[in-house]
Amino acid sequence: MKKATMAKEVGLHQRGGVWYSRILIPKDLQPAYQGKTRLSRSLNVRSHAAAKTAHAAWRASMLAEFEQHRRECNPQPVATITPELAQTIAQTVYRDLLSADEAVRMVPGVADAALQLIHELRPVHLSNARPPQLRVARANALAPLPAAQVDALRDSNARLDAFAGRSLASGDLGAVKGPADRVARSMGLLIDWEAPEARPVLTATLQAFAQAMQDNAKRDAGAVIPTPAQQASMIPLASASASHTMRNVFEEWKAAKPRQAKA
């Protein structure tokens, strides 16, 4: 009877006493996963009951991720750009930037990779600066960031804040085209950013970007700046975007202002 029950739990299997979860990647999405046909992960549990719960949760998250990829790969042109859409995109960019900053400060292990990336993307005038020792482990999961990482984060936030301020002061809407387009595509929407109708979206996004950079810099001084909770989108056929990774954030920053060639 137990075997019959377990057989219905597609993708759940046990190896060496530990339960694993497996899911097949739809054929049309396999290029997005480096050609892989399936994904698997250890659930790190030995109890069958606990494994079923963890398996169901992971499977649901992966199915949602698959749908997210489909929306991004097949965005639909937007017929009408509403003020609500503009605010949704701007607020999502703001939340993603604060979420990335919070992850560096609060999630063990994130700071190592993120701050090394920040250093690699430093402006050209700092290219000869001595790199800080960023890969310094916290004493434990509850310990604060090491001083070198705190200094690197403060420096990065100050530079990003200055860049955002210059972009806002000069009306550089192109500075946020990348982040705005990423959010729109994550909602399954394709926007012609050169069209006049798109300017309100980019304007709202630029303001949100500048506000996010100001708020991240304020956190360096100890200010309490909560990260907004992710909310379901009010836009039809659109959903809130997945968490934005640090590499996405800083790659978009780098792309917005290409480095000048060294003399």
C-alpha atoms as a PDB file:
ATOM      1  CA  MET A   1       0.000   0.000   0.000  1.00  0.00           C
ATOM      2  CA  LYS A   2       2.863   2.343   0.849  1.00  0.00           C
ATOM      3  CA  LYS A   3       4.575   1.712  -2.476  1.00  0.00           C
ATOM      4  CA  ALA A   4       1.358   2.409  -4.348  1.00  0.00           C
ATOM      5  CA  THR A   5       0.971   5.713  -2.523  1.00  0.00           C
ATOM      6  CA  MET A   6       4.560   6.709  -3.140  1.00  0.00           C
ATOM      7  CA  ALA A   7       4.234   5.873  -6.831  1.00  0.00           C
ATOM      8  CA  LYS A   8       1.690   8.682  -7.227  1.00  0.00           C
ATOM      9  CA  GLU A   9       4.163  11.228  -5.939  1.00  0.00           C
ATOM     10  CA  VAL A  10       5.771  12.040  -9.265  1.00  0.00           C
ATOM     11  CA  GLY A  11       9.390  13.110  -8.965  1.00  0.00           C
ATOM     12  CA  LEU A  12       9.853  12.113  -5.315  1.00  0.00           C
ATOM     13  CA  HIS A  13      12.435   9.426  -4.679  1.00  0.00           C
ATOM     14  CA  GLN A  14      14.761   8.240  -1.948  1.00  0.00           C
ATOM     15  CA  ARG A  15      18.495   7.595  -2.132  1.00  0.00           C
ATOM     16  CA  GLY A  16      20.715   6.614   0.755  1.00  0.00           C
ATOM     17  CA  GLY A  17      17.903   7.247   3.196  1.00  0.00           C
ATOM     18  CA  VAL A  18      17.512  10.876   2.036  1.00  0.00           C
ATOM     19  CA  TRP A  19      14.580  12.059  -0.059  1.00  0.00           C
ATOM     20  CA  TYR A  20      15.099  13.864  -3.378  1.00  0.00           C
ATOM     21  CA  SER A  21      12.788  15.831  -5.630  1.00  0.00           C
ATOM     22  CA  ARG A  22      12.954  15.803  -9.412  1.00  0.00           C
ATOM     23  CA  ILE A  23      11.018  17.660 -12.096  1.00  0.00           C
ATOM     24  CA  LEU A  24      11.151  17.503 -15.890  1.00  0.00           C
ATOM     25  CA  ILE A  25      11.866  20.759 -17.713  1.00  0.00           C
ATOM     26  CA  PRO A  26       9.369  21.464 -20.523  1.00  0.00           C
ATOM     27  CA  LYS A  27      11.048  21.083 -23.900  1.00  0.00           C
ATOM     28  CA  ASP A  28      10.407  24.683 -24.934  1.00  0.00           C
ATOM     29  CA  LEU A  29      12.164  25.955 -21.802  1.00  0.00           C
ATOM     30  CA  GLN A  30      15.206  23.693 -21.853  1.00  0.00           C
ATOM     31  CA  PRO A  31      17.401  26.311 -23.612  1.00  0.00           C
ATOM     32  CA  ALA A  32      16.852  28.579 -20.582  1.00  0.00           C
ATOM     33  CA  TYR A  33      18.327  25.820 -18.384  1.00  0.00           C
ATOM     34  CA  GLN A  34      21.488  25.193 -20.443  1.00  0.00           C
ATOM     35  CA  GLY A  35      19.808  22.348 -22.318  1.00  0.00           C
ATOM     36  CA  LYS A  36      19.000  20.333 -19.204  1.00  0.00           C
ATOM     37  CA  THR A  37      15.969  18.077 -19.382  1.00  0.00           C
ATOM     38  CA  ARG A  38      15.347  17.805 -15.650  1.00  0.00           C
ATOM     39  CA  LEU A  39      16.149  19.421 -12.334  1.00  0.00           C
ATOM     40  CA  SER A  40      16.646  17.701  -9.026  1.00  0.00           C
ATOM     41  CA  ARG A  41      17.506  18.630  -5.482  1.00  0.00           C
ATOM     42  CA  SER A  42      17.977  17.013  -2.118  1.00  0.00           C
ATOM     43  CA  LEU A  43      15.175  17.713   0.324  1.00  0.00           C
ATOM     44  CA  ASN A  44      17.568  16.994   3.221  1.00  0.00           C
ATOM     45  CA  VAL A  45      14.973  14.961   5.097  1.00  0.00           C
ATOM     46  CA  ARG A  46      14.559  11.281   5.872  1.00  0.00           C
ATOM     47  CA  SER A  47      10.918  11.409   6.897  1.00  0.00           C
ATOM     48  CA  HIS A  48       8.505  10.527   4.098  1.00  0.00           C
ATOM     49  CA  ALA A  49       5.860  12.893   5.447  1.00  0.00           C
ATOM     50  CA  ALA A  50       8.295  15.807   5.587  1.00  0.00           C
ATOM     51  CA  ALA A  51       9.579  14.906   2.134  1.00  0.00           C
ATOM     52  CA  LYS A  52       6.080  15.055   0.631  1.00  0.00           C
ATOM     53  CA  THR A  53       5.543  18.542   2.000  1.00  0.00           C
ATOM     54  CA  ALA A  54       8.931  19.824   0.845  1.00  0.00           C
ATOM     55  CA  HIS A  55       8.529  18.153  -2.542  1.00  0.00           C
ATOM     56  CA  ALA A  56       5.131  19.716  -3.137  1.00  0.00           C
ATOM     57  CA  ALA A  57       6.426  23.173  -2.209  1.00  0.00           C
ATOM     58  CA  TRP A  58       9.489  22.915  -4.453  1.00  0.00           C
ATOM     59  CA  ARG A  59       7.483  21.492  -7.346  1.00  0.00           C
ATOM     60  CA  ALA A  60       4.970  24.355  -7.078  1.00  0.00           C
ATOM     61  CA  SER A  61       7.780  26.927  -7.053  1.00  0.00           C
ATOM     62  CA  MET A  62       9.381  25.347 -10.134  1.00  0.00           C
ATOM     63  CA  LEU A  63       6.099  25.260 -12.053  1.00  0.00           C
ATOM     64  CA  ALA A  64       5.677  28.953 -11.245  1.00  0.00           C
ATOM     65  CA  GLU A  65       9.229  29.563 -12.444  1.00  0.00           C
ATOM     66  CA  PHE A  66       8.498  27.764 -15.708  1.00  0.00           C
ATOM     67  CA  GLU A  67       5.492  30.005 -16.305  1.00  0.00           C
ATOM     68  CA  GLN A  68       7.642  33.021 -15.479  1.00  0.00           C
ATOM     69  CA  HIS A  69      10.156  31.972 -18.123  1.00  0.00           C
ATOM     70  CA  ARG A  70       7.376  31.539 -20.672  1.00  0.00           C
ATOM     71  CA  ARG A  71       6.099  35.052 -20.016  1.00  0.00           C
ATOM     72  CA  GLU A  72       9.587  36.472 -20.359  1.00  0.00           C
ATOM     73  CA  CYS A  73      10.281  34.529 -23.564  1.00  0.00           C
ATOM     74  CA  ASN A  74       6.931  35.372 -25.151  1.00  0.00           C
ATOM     75  CA  PRO A  75       5.992  38.882 -24.047  1.00  0.00           C
ATOM     76  CA  GLN A  76       2.889  40.420 -25.591  1.00  0.00           C
ATOM     77  CA  PRO A  77       2.840  44.004 -26.918  1.00  0.00           C
ATOM     78  CA  VAL A  78       1.084  46.443 -24.627  1.00  0.00           C
ATOM     79  CA  ALA A  79      -1.886  48.116 -26.259  1.00  0.00           C
ATOM     80  CA  THR A  80      -2.351  50.789 -23.599  1.00  0.00           C
ATOM     81  CA  ILE A  81       0.170  51.975 -21.031  1.00  0.00           C
ATOM     82  CA  THR A  82      -1.786  52.987 -17.962  1.00  0.00           C
ATOM     83  CA  PRO A  83      -0.613  54.979 -14.919  1.00  0.00           C
ATOM     84  CA  GLU A  84      -1.153  51.800 -12.883  1.00  0.00           C
ATOM     85  CA  LEU A  85       1.262  49.900 -15.101  1.00  0.00           C
ATOM     86  CA  ALA A  86       3.863  52.648 -14.793  1.00  0.00           C
ATOM     87  CA  GLN A  87       3.622  52.576 -11.002  1.00  0.00           C
ATOM     88  CA  THR A  88       3.740  48.775 -10.864  1.00  0.00           C
ATOM     89  CA  ILE A  89       6.971  48.681 -12.867  1.00  0.00           C
ATOM     90  CA  ALA A  90       8.528  51.527 -10.880  1.00  0.00           C
ATOM     91  CA  GLN A  91       7.573  50.032  -7.516  1.00  0.00           C
ATOM     92  CA  THR A  92       8.943  46.638  -8.521  1.00  0.00           C
ATOM     93  CA  VAL A  93      12.305  48.162  -9.481  1.00  0.00           C
ATOM     94  CA  TYR A  94      12.378  50.008  -6.150  1.00  0.00           C
ATOM     95  CA  ARG A  95      11.563  46.857  -4.192  1.00  0.00           C
ATOM     96  CA  ASP A  96      14.131  44.763  -6.068  1.00  0.00           C
ATOM     97  CA  LEU A  97      16.928  47.236  -5.339  1.00  0.00           C
ATOM     98  CA  LEU A  98      16.119  47.413  -1.634  1.00  0.00           C
ATOM     99  CA  SER A  99      15.709  43.642  -1.491  1.00  0.00           C
ATOM    100  CA  ALA A 100      19.144  43.104  -3.044  1.00  0.00           C
ATOM    101  CA  ASP A 101      20.724  45.519  -0.568  1.00  0.00           C
ATOM    102  CA  GLU A 102      18.969  43.835   2.354  1.00  0.00           C
ATOM    103  CA  ALA A 103      20.158  40.416   1.201  1.00  0.00           C
ATOM    104  CA  VAL A 104      23.779  41.567   1.284  1.00  0.00           C
ATOM    105  CA  ARG A 105      23.375  42.821   4.834  1.00  0.00           C
ATOM    106  CA  MET A 106      21.199  40.082   6.288  1.00  0.00           C
ATOM    107  CA  VAL A 107      21.677  36.810   4.387  1.00  0.00           C
ATOM    108  CA  PRO A 108      24.898  34.917   5.234  1.00  0.00           C
ATOM    109  CA  GLY A 109      26.968  34.122   2.168  1.00  0.00           C
ATOM    110  CA  VAL A 110      25.340  36.648  -0.161  1.00  0.00           C
ATOM    111  CA  ALA A 111      27.772  39.459   0.645  1.00  0.00           C
ATOM    112  CA  ASP A 112      30.840  37.521  -0.533  1.00  0.00           C
ATOM    113  CA  ALA A 113      29.737  37.184  -4.152  1.00  0.00           C
ATOM    114  CA  ALA A 114      27.759  40.409  -4.315  1.00  0.00           C
ATOM    115  CA  LEU A 115      30.485  42.688  -3.009  1.00  0.00           C
ATOM    116  CA  GLN A 116      33.139  41.066  -5.181  1.00  0.00           C
ATOM    117  CA  LEU A 117      30.863  41.798  -8.142  1.00  0.00           C
ATOM    118  CA  ILE A 118      30.453  45.389  -6.969  1.00  0.00           C
ATOM    119  CA  HIS A 119      34.221  45.775  -6.902  1.00  0.00           C
ATOM    120  CA  GLU A 120      34.582  44.333 -10.406  1.00  0.00           C
ATOM    121  CA  LEU A 121      32.047  46.863 -11.715  1.00  0.00           C
ATOM    122  CA  ARG A 122      33.709  49.855 -10.059  1.00  0.00           C
ATOM    123  CA  PRO A 123      34.114  53.028 -12.178  1.00  0.00           C
ATOM    124  CA  VAL A 124      37.193  53.301 -14.350  1.00  0.00           C
ATOM    125  CA  HIS A 125      38.780  55.994 -12.137  1.00  0.00           C
ATOM    126  CA  LEU A 126      38.960  53.407  -9.369  1.00  0.00           C
ATOM    127  CA  SER A 127      40.373  50.684 -11.609  1.00  0.00           C
ATOM    128  CA  ASN A 128      43.794  50.848  -9.994  1.00  0.00           C
ATOM    129  CA  ALA A 129      42.488  50.929  -6.446  1.00  0.00           C
ATOM    130  CA  ARG A 130      43.643  48.116  -4.226  1.00  0.00           C
ATOM    131  CA  PRO A 131      40.790  45.587  -3.965  1.00  0.00           C
ATOM    132  CA  PRO A 132      39.466  45.133  -0.426  1.00  0.00           C
ATOM    133  CA  GLN A 133      39.486  41.730   1.215  1.00  0.00           C
ATOM    134  CA  LEU A 134      35.839  41.019   0.547  1.00  0.00           C
ATOM    135  CA  ARG A 135      35.689  37.272   1.017  1.00  0.00           C
ATOM    136  CA  VAL A 136      35.677  37.285   4.784  1.00  0.00           C
ATOM    137  CA  ALA A 137      33.282  34.878   6.427  1.00  0.00           C
ATOM    138  CA  ARG A 138      31.021  35.987   9.237  1.00  0.00           C
ATOM    139  CA  ALA A 139      31.851  34.507  12.622  1.00  0.00           C
ATOM    140  CA  ASN A 140      28.451  32.807  12.622  1.00  0.00           C
ATOM    141  CA  ALA A 141      25.007  33.118  11.060  1.00  0.00           C
ATOM    142  CA  LEU A 142      24.017  35.864  13.516  1.00  0.00           C
ATOM    143  CA  ALA A 143      27.240  37.859  13.323  1.00  0.00           C
ATOM    144  CA  PRO A 144      27.463  41.211  11.493  1.00  0.00           C
ATOM    145  CA  LEU A 145      29.207  41.806   8.197  1.00  0.00           C
ATOM    146  CA  PRO A 146      32.991  42.136   8.537  1.00  0.00           C
ATOM    147  CA  ALA A 147      34.260  45.717   8.467  1.00  0.00           C
ATOM    148  CA  ALA A 148      35.781  45.350   4.972  1.00  0.00           C
ATOM    149  CA  GLN A 149      32.421  44.306   3.548  1.00  0.00           C
ATOM    150  CA  VAL A 150      30.589  47.112   5.343  1.00  0.00           C
ATOM    151  CA  ASP A 151      33.025  49.643   3.870  1.00  0.00           C
ATOM    152  CA  ALA A 152      32.696  48.140   0.380  1.00  0.00           C
ATOM    153  CA  LEU A 153      28.899  48.231   0.549  1.00  0.00           C
ATOM    154  CA  ARG A 154      28.919  51.850   1.777  1.00  0.00           C
ATOM    155  CA  ASP A 155      31.253  52.839  -1.061  1.00  0.00           C
ATOM    156  CA  SER A 156      29.111  51.082  -3.646  1.00  0.00           C
ATOM    157  CA  ASN A 157      25.890  52.613  -2.381  1.00  0.00           C
ATOM    158  CA  ALA A 158      27.442  56.078  -2.380  1.00  0.00           C
ATOM    159  CA  ARG A 159      28.539  55.705  -6.006  1.00  0.00           C
ATOM    160  CA  LEU A 160      25.176  54.303  -7.083  1.00  0.00           C
ATOM    161  CA  ASP A 161      23.400  57.109  -5.246  1.00  0.00           C
ATOM    162  CA  ALA A 162      25.540  59.689  -7.051  1.00  0.00           C
ATOM    163  CA  PHE A 163      24.916  58.005 -10.405  1.00  0.00           C
ATOM    164  CA  ALA A 164      21.156  57.910  -9.789  1.00  0.00           C
ATOM    165  CA  GLY A 165      21.190  61.567  -8.752  1.00  0.00           C
ATOM    166  CA  ARG A 166      22.976  62.615 -11.931  1.00  0.00           C
ATOM    167  CA  SER A 167      20.605  60.535 -14.031  1.00  0.00           C
ATOM    168  CA  LEU A 168      17.562  62.106 -12.386  1.00  0.00           C
ATOM    169  CA  ALA A 169      18.981  65.632 -12.603  1.00  0.00           C
ATOM    170  CA  SER A 170      19.695  65.240 -16.328  1.00  0.00           C
ATOM    171  CA  GLY A 171      16.497  63.350 -17.153  1.00  0.00           C
ATOM    172  CA  ASP A 172      18.470  60.326 -18.375  1.00  0.00           C
ATOM    173  CA  LEU A 173      15.580  57.928 -18.953  1.00  0.00           C
ATOM    174  CA  GLY A 174      17.873  55.485 -20.729  1.00  0.00           C
ATOM    175  CA  ALA A 175      19.575  54.777 -17.404  1.00  0.00           C
ATOM    176  CA  VAL A 176      16.561  52.743 -16.281  1.00  0.00           C
ATOM    177  CA  LYS A 177      15.422  51.247 -19.561  1.00  0.00           C
ATOM    178  CA  GLY A 178      17.064  47.914 -18.680  1.00  0.00           C
ATOM    179  CA  PRO A 179      15.435  47.467 -15.264  1.00  0.00           C
ATOM    180  CA  ALA A 180      12.060  48.665 -16.551  1.00  0.00           C
ATOM    181  CA  ASP A 181      12.178  46.266 -19.502  1.00  0.00           C
ATOM    182  CA  ARG A 182      13.151  43.347 -17.271  1.00  0.00           C
ATOM    183  CA  VAL A 183      10.149  43.939 -15.023  1.00  0.00           C
ATOM    184  CA  ALA A 184       7.783  44.392 -17.966  1.00  0.00           C
ATOM    185  CA  ARG A 185       8.959  41.153 -19.582  1.00  0.00           C
ATOM    186  CA  SER A 186       8.632  39.303 -16.284  1.00  0.00           C
ATOM    187  CA  MET A 187       4.970  40.341 -16.428  1.00  0.00           C
ATOM    188  CA  GLY A 188       4.677  39.017 -19.980  1.00  0.00           C
ATOM    189  CA  LEU A 189       4.548  42.524 -21.463  1.00  0.00           C
ATOM    190  CA  LEU A 190       6.491  43.976 -24.385  1.00  0.00           C
ATOM    191  CA  ILE A 191       6.852  47.767 -24.370  1.00  0.00           C
ATOM    192  CA  ASP A 192       8.258  49.947 -27.140  1.00  0.00           C
ATOM    193  CA  TRP A 193      10.491  52.144 -25.004  1.00  0.00           C
ATOM    194  CA  GLU A 194      11.070  54.615 -27.840  1.00  0.00           C
ATOM    195  CA  ALA A 195       7.363  55.410 -28.050  1.00  0.00           C
ATOM    196  CA  PRO A 196       6.163  58.628 -26.350  1.00  0.00           C
ATOM    197  CA  GLU A 197       3.646  56.575 -24.371  1.00  0.00           C
ATOM    198  CA  ALA A 198       6.516  54.812 -22.584  1.00  0.00           C
ATOM    199  CA  ARG A 199       8.028  57.994 -21.147  1.00  0.00           C
ATOM    200  CA  PRO A 200       5.770  58.045 -18.041  1.00  0.00           C
ATOM    201  CA  VAL A 201       6.916  54.497 -17.221  1.00  0.00           C
ATOM    202  CA  LEU A 202      10.576  55.412 -17.541  1.00  0.00           C
ATOM    203  CA  THR A 203      10.070  58.652 -15.616  1.00  0.00           C
ATOM    204  CA  ALA A 204       8.412  56.826 -12.715  1.00  0.00           C
ATOM    205  CA  THR A 205      11.110  54.145 -12.829  1.00  0.00           C
ATOM    206  CA  LEU A 206      13.929  56.710 -12.794  1.00  0.00           C
ATOM    207  CA  GLN A 207      12.386  58.381  -9.752  1.00  0.00           C
ATOM    208  CA  ALA A 208      11.999  55.004  -8.041  1.00  0.00           C
ATOM    209  CA  PHE A 209      15.603  54.111  -8.896  1.00  0.00           C
ATOM    210  CA  ALA A 210      16.902  57.357  -7.408  1.00  0.00           C
ATOM    211  CA  GLN A 211      14.774  56.902  -4.286  1.00  0.00           C
ATOM    212  CA  ALA A 212      16.024  53.340  -3.855  1.00  0.00           C
ATOM    213  CA  MET A 213      19.641  54.457  -4.084  1.00  0.00           C
ATOM    214  CA  GLN A 214      19.014  57.222  -1.544  1.00  0.00           C
ATOM    215  CA  ASP A 215      17.358  54.760   0.823  1.00  0.00           C
ATOM    216  CA  ASN A 216      20.114  52.169   0.481  1.00  0.00           C
ATOM    217  CA  ALA A 217      22.672  54.876   1.299  1.00  0.00           C
ATOM    218  CA  LYS A 218      20.617  55.886   4.348  1.00  0.00           C
ATOM    219  CA  ARG A 219      20.798  52.295   5.566  1.00  0.00           C
ATOM    220  CA  ASP A 220      24.563  52.671   5.681  1.00  0.00           C
ATOM    221  CA  ALA A 221      24.028  55.378   8.316  1.00  0.00           C
ATOM    222  CA  GLY A 222      21.753  53.105  10.349  1.00  0.00           C
ATOM    223  CA  ALA A 223      18.403  54.406   9.115  1.00  0.00           C
ATOM    224  CA  VAL A 224      15.485  51.967   9.251  1.00  0.00           C
ATOM    225  CA  ILE A 225      14.295  51.613   5.645  1.00  0.00           C
ATOM    226  CA  PRO A 226      11.908  48.640   5.301  1.00  0.00           C
ATOM    227  CA  THR A 227      11.921  46.632   2.080  1.00  0.00           C
ATOM    228  CA  PRO A 228       8.379  46.698   0.640  1.00  0.00           C
ATOM    229  CA  ALA A 229       6.582  43.373   0.608  1.00  0.00           C
ATOM    230  CA  GLN A 230       6.062  41.748  -2.752  1.00  0.00           C
ATOM    231  CA  GLN A 231       2.460  42.177  -3.813  1.00  0.00           C
ATOM    232  CA  ALA A 232       0.384  40.683  -6.571  1.00  0.00           C
ATOM    233  CA  SER A 233       0.204  42.942  -9.582  1.00  0.00           C
ATOM    234  CA  MET A 234      -2.992  44.782 -10.393  1.00  0.00           C
ATOM    235  CA  ILE A 235      -2.196  44.609 -14.093  1.00  0.00           C
ATOM    236  CA  PRO A 236      -4.230  42.018 -16.074  1.00  0.00           C
ATOM    237  CA  LEU A 237      -2.232  39.001 -17.291  1.00  0.00           C
ATOM    238  CA  ALA A 238       0.713  40.145 -15.215  1.00  0.00           C
ATOM    239  CA  SER A 239       2.212  38.911 -12.003  1.00  0.00           C
ATOM    240  CA  ALA A 240       4.750  40.250  -9.552  1.00  0.00           C
ATOM    241  CA  SER A 241       8.290  39.564 -10.700  1.00  0.00           C
ATOM    242  CA  ALA A 242      10.579  37.066  -9.047  1.00  0.00           C
ATOM    243  CA  SER A 243      13.326  38.289  -6.741  1.00  0.00           C
ATOM    244  CA  HIS A 244      16.015  40.132  -8.599  1.00  0.00           C
ATOM    245  CA  THR A 245      19.535  38.849  -8.125  1.00  0.00           C
ATOM    246  CA  MET A 246      22.484  41.026  -7.275  1.00  0.00           C
ATOM    247  CA  ARG A 247      24.090  40.242 -10.638  1.00  0.00           C
ATOM    248  CA  ASN A 248      20.953  41.483 -12.448  1.00  0.00           C
ATOM    249  CA  VAL A 249      20.992  44.722 -10.490  1.00  0.00           C
ATOM    250  CA  PHE A 250      24.630  45.549 -11.065  1.00  0.00           C
ATOM    251  CA  GLU A 251      24.795  44.293 -14.630  1.00  0.00           C
ATOM    252  CA  GLU A 252      21.968  46.713 -15.440  1.00  0.00           C
ATOM    253  CA  TRP A 253      23.816  49.500 -13.636  1.00  0.00           C
ATOM    254  CA  LYS A 254      26.964  48.720 -15.609  1.00  0.00           C
ATOM    255  CA  ALA A 255      25.048  48.590 -18.917  1.00  0.00           C
ATOM    256  CA  ALA A 256      23.371  51.918 -18.238  1.00  0.00           C
ATOM    257  CA  LYS A 257      26.714  53.739 -18.213  1.00  0.00           C
ATOM    258  CA  PRO A 258      29.377  51.834 -20.214  1.00  0.00           C
ATOM    259  CA  ARG A 259      32.921  52.249 -18.965  1.00  0.00           C
ATOM    260  CA  GLN A 260      35.211  54.569 -20.818  1.00  0.00           C
ATOM    261  CA  ALA A 261      38.269  53.121 -22.429  1.00  0.00           C
ATOM    262  CA  LYS A 262      41.410  53.449 -20.384  1.00  0.00           C
ATOM    263  CA  ALA A 263      43.902  56.002 -21.589  1.00  0.00           C
END
